Amino acid sequence: MTTSSAIGPLIITAIIIATVLGCGVMPPSQERTRSFTVSGFNLPVSMVYTREVTIRAEAPGMAPTKEAAKAFIERLVMQTVFDVLEEQGRSALLPDAVISNILSQLRIQINYDPLECKGATVSKGPQTQIMGNKDKLPHCIVVGSTVTSTCPLEPPDTVMCMTIGMPMKVESISANLTTISGTLTTTNIIMANWSRQMWQSTVSRAVRMLASGPFRSNFFAASVTVS
């Protein structure tokens, strides 16, 4: 049996032991924290924000404020990790109340600075022309439900970009915008002693869930690191 195929049963076994021990809670001074990074995804419009009502009408899903975008990302990551743990708990035939208790002992914190699209163009085809104004930058180029690039940040008064055909006139989405980092903190007496591999399996499974749902085109190539 490979290491990866053994991870699932290990997680289930750990949850069962936690149940037998009454889902014991460690004191705050003994809580355990793991750091994680999800990288290499395509930037969903839901992870950026704009204060322009007209842009949100053209690109539904964009958040109205930075705080709203960050809250969305935190909910997205938290819910998918919780879904994985619920799946494992139900595989172990645990009661919903016990699963809920275990989840209540886990905190997830996200570190991410969302992109503000002060201007935006929703691509209608490979030769869509974008006119950006220096007062409306960065100007985001949206293809489908993904922000694929932006116009240069320091143009003359007016700059023309194209989604395809003039690659030197657009900027790729920077790596910091396609990387989510955060921490997982638990006070559960058993989960606190999970190995790095067990947490790696949990977060990796969460990203695979994202890649099989509405965000499949964004997270299908994402990678996960847990430390």
C-alpha atoms as a PDB file:
ATOM      1  CA  MET A   1       0.000   0.000   0.000  1.00  0.00           C
ATOM      2  CA  THR A   2       1.335   3.450  -0.914  1.00  0.00           C
ATOM      3  CA  THR A   3       1.605   6.266   1.593  1.00  0.00           C
ATOM      4  CA  SER A   4      -1.123   8.287  -0.133  1.00  0.00           C
ATOM      5  CA  SER A   5      -3.592   5.375  -0.135  1.00  0.00           C
ATOM      6  CA  ALA A   6      -3.012   4.821   3.576  1.00  0.00           C
ATOM      7  CA  ILE A   7      -3.688   8.425   4.567  1.00  0.00           C
ATOM      8  CA  GLY A   8      -7.499   8.185   4.384  1.00  0.00           C
ATOM      9  CA  PRO A   9      -7.810   5.260   6.842  1.00  0.00           C
ATOM     10  CA  LEU A  10      -5.341   6.969   9.150  1.00  0.00           C
ATOM     11  CA  ILE A  11      -7.512  10.078   9.288  1.00  0.00           C
ATOM     12  CA  ILE A  12     -10.633   7.992   9.919  1.00  0.00           C
ATOM     13  CA  THR A  13      -8.846   6.078  12.672  1.00  0.00           C
ATOM     14  CA  ALA A  14      -7.726   9.327  14.289  1.00  0.00           C
ATOM     15  CA  ILE A  15     -11.268  10.681  14.298  1.00  0.00           C
ATOM     16  CA  ILE A  16     -12.593   7.446  15.803  1.00  0.00           C
ATOM     17  CA  ILE A  17     -10.010   7.651  18.602  1.00  0.00           C
ATOM     18  CA  ALA A  18     -10.998  11.277  19.187  1.00  0.00           C
ATOM     19  CA  THR A  19     -14.586  10.162  19.628  1.00  0.00           C
ATOM     20  CA  VAL A  20     -13.643   7.441  22.092  1.00  0.00           C
ATOM     21  CA  LEU A  21     -11.751  10.022  24.108  1.00  0.00           C
ATOM     22  CA  GLY A  22     -14.767  12.284  24.161  1.00  0.00           C
ATOM     23  CA  CYS A  23     -13.420  14.781  21.611  1.00  0.00           C
ATOM     24  CA  GLY A  24     -11.063  16.098  24.239  1.00  0.00           C
ATOM     25  CA  VAL A  25     -10.076  19.726  23.951  1.00  0.00           C
ATOM     26  CA  MET A  26      -6.538  20.872  24.668  1.00  0.00           C
ATOM     27  CA  PRO A  27      -5.947  24.074  26.637  1.00  0.00           C
ATOM     28  CA  PRO A  28      -5.191  27.107  24.411  1.00  0.00           C
ATOM     29  CA  SER A  29      -1.528  27.016  25.393  1.00  0.00           C
ATOM     30  CA  GLN A  30      -1.261  23.534  23.847  1.00  0.00           C
ATOM     31  CA  GLU A  31      -3.148  24.097  20.586  1.00  0.00           C
ATOM     32  CA  ARG A  32      -1.387  23.027  17.396  1.00  0.00           C
ATOM     33  CA  THR A  33      -1.004  25.018  14.186  1.00  0.00           C
ATOM     34  CA  ARG A  34      -0.063  23.924  10.671  1.00  0.00           C
ATOM     35  CA  SER A  35       0.741  26.313   7.822  1.00  0.00           C
ATOM     36  CA  PHE A  36      -0.448  25.629   4.291  1.00  0.00           C
ATOM     37  CA  THR A  37      -0.112  27.109   0.815  1.00  0.00           C
ATOM     38  CA  VAL A  38      -2.319  26.613  -2.231  1.00  0.00           C
ATOM     39  CA  SER A  39      -0.678  27.874  -5.416  1.00  0.00           C
ATOM     40  CA  GLY A  40      -0.736  27.675  -9.184  1.00  0.00           C
ATOM     41  CA  PHE A  41      -4.452  28.285  -9.700  1.00  0.00           C
ATOM     42  CA  ASN A  42      -6.156  30.569 -12.211  1.00  0.00           C
ATOM     43  CA  LEU A  43      -7.604  33.668 -10.561  1.00  0.00           C
ATOM     44  CA  PRO A  44     -11.425  33.455 -10.206  1.00  0.00           C
ATOM     45  CA  VAL A  45     -13.394  36.691 -10.536  1.00  0.00           C
ATOM     46  CA  SER A  46     -14.851  35.912  -7.103  1.00  0.00           C
ATOM     47  CA  MET A  47     -11.415  36.481  -5.548  1.00  0.00           C
ATOM     48  CA  VAL A  48     -11.038  40.038  -6.863  1.00  0.00           C
ATOM     49  CA  TYR A  49     -13.065  43.145  -6.120  1.00  0.00           C
ATOM     50  CA  THR A  50     -14.220  46.343  -7.750  1.00  0.00           C
ATOM     51  CA  ARG A  51     -16.094  49.360  -6.504  1.00  0.00           C
ATOM     52  CA  GLU A  52     -17.541  49.934  -9.981  1.00  0.00           C
ATOM     53  CA  VAL A  53     -21.152  48.769 -10.277  1.00  0.00           C
ATOM     54  CA  THR A  54     -20.910  48.590 -14.077  1.00  0.00           C
ATOM     55  CA  ILE A  55     -17.960  46.192 -13.862  1.00  0.00           C
ATOM     56  CA  ARG A  56     -19.776  43.910 -11.427  1.00  0.00           C
ATOM     57  CA  ALA A  57     -22.708  43.850 -13.838  1.00  0.00           C
ATOM     58  CA  GLU A  58     -20.424  42.672 -16.653  1.00  0.00           C
ATOM     59  CA  ALA A  59     -18.443  40.256 -14.480  1.00  0.00           C
ATOM     60  CA  PRO A  60     -20.900  38.780 -11.939  1.00  0.00           C
ATOM     61  CA  GLY A  61     -19.166  37.382  -8.896  1.00  0.00           C
ATOM     62  CA  MET A  62     -16.666  40.168  -8.309  1.00  0.00           C
ATOM     63  CA  ALA A  63     -16.807  41.377  -4.723  1.00  0.00           C
ATOM     64  CA  PRO A  64     -17.738  45.018  -3.980  1.00  0.00           C
ATOM     65  CA  THR A  65     -14.950  45.520  -1.416  1.00  0.00           C
ATOM     66  CA  LYS A  66     -11.597  44.062  -0.385  1.00  0.00           C
ATOM     67  CA  GLU A  67     -13.150  42.831   2.861  1.00  0.00           C
ATOM     68  CA  ALA A  68     -15.879  40.995   0.960  1.00  0.00           C
ATOM     69  CA  ALA A  69     -13.322  39.337  -1.334  1.00  0.00           C
ATOM     70  CA  LYS A  70     -11.223  38.185   1.633  1.00  0.00           C
ATOM     71  CA  ALA A  71     -14.318  36.891   3.426  1.00  0.00           C
ATOM     72  CA  PHE A  72     -15.292  34.904   0.326  1.00  0.00           C
ATOM     73  CA  ILE A  73     -11.837  33.296   0.092  1.00  0.00           C
ATOM     74  CA  GLU A  74     -11.854  32.410   3.782  1.00  0.00           C
ATOM     75  CA  ARG A  75     -15.327  30.839   3.528  1.00  0.00           C
ATOM     76  CA  LEU A  76     -14.328  28.926   0.400  1.00  0.00           C
ATOM     77  CA  VAL A  77     -11.230  27.373   1.961  1.00  0.00           C
ATOM     78  CA  MET A  78     -12.870  26.733   5.332  1.00  0.00           C
ATOM     79  CA  GLN A  79     -15.944  25.095   3.828  1.00  0.00           C
ATOM     80  CA  THR A  80     -13.986  22.768   1.553  1.00  0.00           C
ATOM     81  CA  VAL A  81     -11.679  21.656   4.388  1.00  0.00           C
ATOM     82  CA  PHE A  82     -14.730  21.096   6.597  1.00  0.00           C
ATOM     83  CA  ASP A  83     -16.407  19.130   3.794  1.00  0.00           C
ATOM     84  CA  VAL A  84     -13.401  16.796   3.649  1.00  0.00           C
ATOM     85  CA  LEU A  85     -13.439  16.229   7.407  1.00  0.00           C
ATOM     86  CA  GLU A  86     -17.205  15.665   7.369  1.00  0.00           C
ATOM     87  CA  GLU A  87     -16.741  13.125   4.576  1.00  0.00           C
ATOM     88  CA  GLN A  88     -14.111  11.304   6.626  1.00  0.00           C
ATOM     89  CA  GLY A  89     -16.276  11.396   9.734  1.00  0.00           C
ATOM     90  CA  ARG A  90     -19.287   9.955   7.934  1.00  0.00           C
ATOM     91  CA  SER A  91     -17.084   7.242   6.421  1.00  0.00           C
ATOM     92  CA  ALA A  92     -16.244   6.355  10.023  1.00  0.00           C
ATOM     93  CA  LEU A  93     -19.995   6.317  10.846  1.00  0.00           C
ATOM     94  CA  LEU A  94     -19.652   9.124  13.359  1.00  0.00           C
ATOM     95  CA  PRO A  95     -22.817  10.957  14.516  1.00  0.00           C
ATOM     96  CA  ASP A  96     -23.331  14.443  13.095  1.00  0.00           C
ATOM     97  CA  ALA A  97     -23.072  15.933  16.578  1.00  0.00           C
ATOM     98  CA  VAL A  98     -19.613  14.450  17.053  1.00  0.00           C
ATOM     99  CA  ILE A  99     -18.447  15.654  13.633  1.00  0.00           C
ATOM    100  CA  SER A 100     -19.761  19.134  14.421  1.00  0.00           C
ATOM    101  CA  ASN A 101     -17.881  19.115  17.724  1.00  0.00           C
ATOM    102  CA  ILE A 102     -14.628  18.154  15.988  1.00  0.00           C
ATOM    103  CA  LEU A 103     -15.044  20.890  13.386  1.00  0.00           C
ATOM    104  CA  SER A 104     -15.730  23.479  16.085  1.00  0.00           C
ATOM    105  CA  GLN A 105     -12.224  22.783  17.420  1.00  0.00           C
ATOM    106  CA  LEU A 106     -10.574  23.804  14.141  1.00  0.00           C
ATOM    107  CA  ARG A 107      -9.784  27.403  13.110  1.00  0.00           C
ATOM    108  CA  ILE A 108      -8.641  28.432   9.652  1.00  0.00           C
ATOM    109  CA  GLN A 109      -6.925  31.750   8.965  1.00  0.00           C
ATOM    110  CA  ILE A 110      -6.215  33.003   5.452  1.00  0.00           C
ATOM    111  CA  ASN A 111      -3.488  35.398   4.308  1.00  0.00           C
ATOM    112  CA  TYR A 112      -4.386  36.925   0.953  1.00  0.00           C
ATOM    113  CA  ASP A 113      -4.456  40.450  -0.487  1.00  0.00           C
ATOM    114  CA  PRO A 114      -7.130  40.578  -3.225  1.00  0.00           C
ATOM    115  CA  LEU A 115      -6.667  42.428  -6.502  1.00  0.00           C
ATOM    116  CA  GLU A 116      -8.778  45.536  -7.084  1.00  0.00           C
ATOM    117  CA  CYS A 117     -10.012  45.892 -10.663  1.00  0.00           C
ATOM    118  CA  LYS A 118     -10.508  49.628 -11.150  1.00  0.00           C
ATOM    119  CA  GLY A 119     -11.315  48.967 -14.786  1.00  0.00           C
ATOM    120  CA  ALA A 120     -12.240  45.736 -16.541  1.00  0.00           C
ATOM    121  CA  THR A 121     -13.108  44.267 -19.906  1.00  0.00           C
ATOM    122  CA  VAL A 122     -14.919  40.992 -20.348  1.00  0.00           C
ATOM    123  CA  SER A 123     -13.378  39.344 -23.398  1.00  0.00           C
ATOM    124  CA  LYS A 124     -15.732  38.655 -26.284  1.00  0.00           C
ATOM    125  CA  GLY A 125     -13.080  36.837 -28.301  1.00  0.00           C
ATOM    126  CA  PRO A 126      -9.329  36.466 -28.938  1.00  0.00           C
ATOM    127  CA  GLN A 127      -9.026  39.916 -30.552  1.00  0.00           C
ATOM    128  CA  THR A 128     -10.960  41.921 -27.974  1.00  0.00           C
ATOM    129  CA  GLN A 129      -9.471  45.406 -27.714  1.00  0.00           C
ATOM    130  CA  ILE A 130      -9.200  47.040 -24.316  1.00  0.00           C
ATOM    131  CA  MET A 131      -8.842  50.758 -23.804  1.00  0.00           C
ATOM    132  CA  GLY A 132      -7.445  51.498 -20.366  1.00  0.00           C
ATOM    133  CA  ASN A 133      -7.343  54.889 -18.658  1.00  0.00           C
ATOM    134  CA  LYS A 134      -4.518  55.804 -16.285  1.00  0.00           C
ATOM    135  CA  ASP A 135      -7.082  56.634 -13.600  1.00  0.00           C
ATOM    136  CA  LYS A 136      -8.732  53.213 -13.899  1.00  0.00           C
ATOM    137  CA  LEU A 137      -5.800  50.860 -13.385  1.00  0.00           C
ATOM    138  CA  PRO A 138      -5.210  48.075 -12.897  1.00  0.00           C
ATOM    139  CA  HIS A 139      -7.535  47.218 -15.779  1.00  0.00           C
ATOM    140  CA  CYS A 140      -8.500  43.554 -15.517  1.00  0.00           C
ATOM    141  CA  ILE A 141      -9.096  41.307 -18.498  1.00  0.00           C
ATOM    142  CA  VAL A 142     -11.776  38.734 -17.742  1.00  0.00           C
ATOM    143  CA  VAL A 143     -12.275  35.588 -19.787  1.00  0.00           C
ATOM    144  CA  GLY A 144     -15.226  33.518 -18.649  1.00  0.00           C
ATOM    145  CA  SER A 145     -15.069  33.437 -14.847  1.00  0.00           C
ATOM    146  CA  THR A 146     -11.310  34.049 -14.691  1.00  0.00           C
ATOM    147  CA  VAL A 147      -9.171  37.176 -14.502  1.00  0.00           C
ATOM    148  CA  THR A 148      -6.449  36.262 -16.966  1.00  0.00           C
ATOM    149  CA  SER A 149      -4.292  39.410 -17.139  1.00  0.00           C
ATOM    150  CA  THR A 150      -4.168  43.153 -16.574  1.00  0.00           C
ATOM    151  CA  CYS A 151      -3.123  46.209 -18.567  1.00  0.00           C
ATOM    152  CA  PRO A 152       0.253  47.723 -17.592  1.00  0.00           C
ATOM    153  CA  LEU A 153       0.277  49.625 -14.325  1.00  0.00           C
ATOM    154  CA  GLU A 154       2.258  52.592 -15.655  1.00  0.00           C
ATOM    155  CA  PRO A 155       0.916  53.421 -19.128  1.00  0.00           C
ATOM    156  CA  PRO A 156       0.638  56.731 -20.924  1.00  0.00           C
ATOM    157  CA  ASP A 157      -2.726  58.481 -20.621  1.00  0.00           C
ATOM    158  CA  THR A 158      -4.362  55.794 -22.728  1.00  0.00           C
ATOM    159  CA  VAL A 159      -3.115  52.298 -23.486  1.00  0.00           C
ATOM    160  CA  MET A 160      -4.500  49.632 -25.771  1.00  0.00           C
ATOM    161  CA  CYS A 161      -4.172  45.996 -24.805  1.00  0.00           C
ATOM    162  CA  MET A 162      -5.322  42.806 -26.505  1.00  0.00           C
ATOM    163  CA  THR A 163      -6.062  39.457 -24.894  1.00  0.00           C
ATOM    164  CA  ILE A 164      -4.181  37.674 -27.690  1.00  0.00           C
ATOM    165  CA  GLY A 165      -1.893  39.091 -30.346  1.00  0.00           C
ATOM    166  CA  MET A 166      -0.061  41.732 -28.305  1.00  0.00           C
ATOM    167  CA  PRO A 167       1.387  39.807 -25.342  1.00  0.00           C
ATOM    168  CA  MET A 168       3.888  42.560 -24.491  1.00  0.00           C
ATOM    169  CA  LYS A 169       1.015  44.943 -23.793  1.00  0.00           C
ATOM    170  CA  VAL A 170      -0.585  42.918 -21.026  1.00  0.00           C
ATOM    171  CA  GLU A 171       0.729  41.632 -17.722  1.00  0.00           C
ATOM    172  CA  SER A 172       0.194  38.118 -16.461  1.00  0.00           C
ATOM    173  CA  ILE A 173      -1.450  37.697 -13.087  1.00  0.00           C
ATOM    174  CA  SER A 174       1.332  37.812 -10.501  1.00  0.00           C
ATOM    175  CA  ALA A 175       2.190  34.732  -8.453  1.00  0.00           C
ATOM    176  CA  ASN A 176       1.128  36.356  -5.180  1.00  0.00           C
ATOM    177  CA  LEU A 177      -2.436  36.592  -6.551  1.00  0.00           C
ATOM    178  CA  THR A 178      -2.475  32.910  -7.455  1.00  0.00           C
ATOM    179  CA  THR A 179      -1.230  31.803  -4.041  1.00  0.00           C
ATOM    180  CA  ILE A 180      -3.295  31.437  -0.878  1.00  0.00           C
ATOM    181  CA  SER A 181      -1.453  30.902   2.387  1.00  0.00           C
ATOM    182  CA  GLY A 182      -2.913  30.301   5.785  1.00  0.00           C
ATOM    183  CA  THR A 183      -2.930  28.324   9.000  1.00  0.00           C
ATOM    184  CA  LEU A 184      -4.957  25.487  10.468  1.00  0.00           C
ATOM    185  CA  THR A 185      -5.190  25.600  14.256  1.00  0.00           C
ATOM    186  CA  THR A 186      -6.833  22.859  16.300  1.00  0.00           C
ATOM    187  CA  THR A 187      -7.496  22.304  19.970  1.00  0.00           C
ATOM    188  CA  ASN A 188      -8.743  18.749  19.407  1.00  0.00           C
ATOM    189  CA  ILE A 189      -6.503  16.417  21.387  1.00  0.00           C
ATOM    190  CA  ILE A 190      -6.146  13.916  18.523  1.00  0.00           C
ATOM    191  CA  MET A 191      -6.070  16.240  15.529  1.00  0.00           C
ATOM    192  CA  ALA A 192      -3.361  18.216  17.306  1.00  0.00           C
ATOM    193  CA  ASN A 193      -1.105  15.190  16.866  1.00  0.00           C
ATOM    194  CA  TRP A 194      -1.851  14.547  13.208  1.00  0.00           C
ATOM    195  CA  SER A 195       1.255  14.269  11.081  1.00  0.00           C
ATOM    196  CA  ARG A 196       2.097  16.728   8.345  1.00  0.00           C
ATOM    197  CA  GLN A 197       1.161  14.057   5.781  1.00  0.00           C
ATOM    198  CA  MET A 198      -2.322  13.701   7.254  1.00  0.00           C
ATOM    199  CA  TRP A 199      -2.942  17.435   7.030  1.00  0.00           C
ATOM    200  CA  GLN A 200      -1.417  17.466   3.546  1.00  0.00           C
ATOM    201  CA  SER A 201      -3.920  14.813   2.511  1.00  0.00           C
ATOM    202  CA  THR A 202      -6.809  16.782   4.002  1.00  0.00           C
ATOM    203  CA  VAL A 203      -5.969  20.079   2.290  1.00  0.00           C
ATOM    204  CA  SER A 204      -5.100  18.343  -0.988  1.00  0.00           C
ATOM    205  CA  ARG A 205      -8.475  16.622  -0.954  1.00  0.00           C
ATOM    206  CA  ALA A 206     -10.144  19.997  -0.331  1.00  0.00           C
ATOM    207  CA  VAL A 207      -8.444  21.478  -3.405  1.00  0.00           C
ATOM    208  CA  ARG A 208      -9.489  18.452  -5.476  1.00  0.00           C
ATOM    209  CA  MET A 209     -13.067  19.147  -4.372  1.00  0.00           C
ATOM    210  CA  LEU A 210     -12.707  22.707  -5.650  1.00  0.00           C
ATOM    211  CA  ALA A 211     -11.337  21.369  -8.925  1.00  0.00           C
ATOM    212  CA  SER A 212     -14.357  19.104  -9.354  1.00  0.00           C
ATOM    213  CA  GLY A 213     -16.955  21.793  -8.601  1.00  0.00           C
ATOM    214  CA  PRO A 214     -17.847  25.242  -9.930  1.00  0.00           C
ATOM    215  CA  PHE A 215     -14.178  26.294  -9.764  1.00  0.00           C
ATOM    216  CA  ARG A 216     -12.855  23.367 -11.800  1.00  0.00           C
ATOM    217  CA  SER A 217     -11.334  25.632 -14.466  1.00  0.00           C
ATOM    218  CA  ASN A 218      -9.496  27.607 -11.787  1.00  0.00           C
ATOM    219  CA  PHE A 219      -8.109  24.961  -9.423  1.00  0.00           C
ATOM    220  CA  PHE A 220      -7.518  21.935 -11.660  1.00  0.00           C
ATOM    221  CA  ALA A 221      -3.749  22.531 -11.684  1.00  0.00           C
ATOM    222  CA  ALA A 222      -3.336  23.931  -8.161  1.00  0.00           C
ATOM    223  CA  SER A 223      -0.747  22.453  -5.809  1.00  0.00           C
ATOM    224  CA  VAL A 224      -0.724  22.220  -2.018  1.00  0.00           C
ATOM    225  CA  THR A 225       2.053  22.414   0.557  1.00  0.00           C
ATOM    226  CA  VAL A 226       1.566  21.862   4.293  1.00  0.00           C
ATOM    227  CA  SER A 227       4.302  22.465   6.860  1.00  0.00           C
END
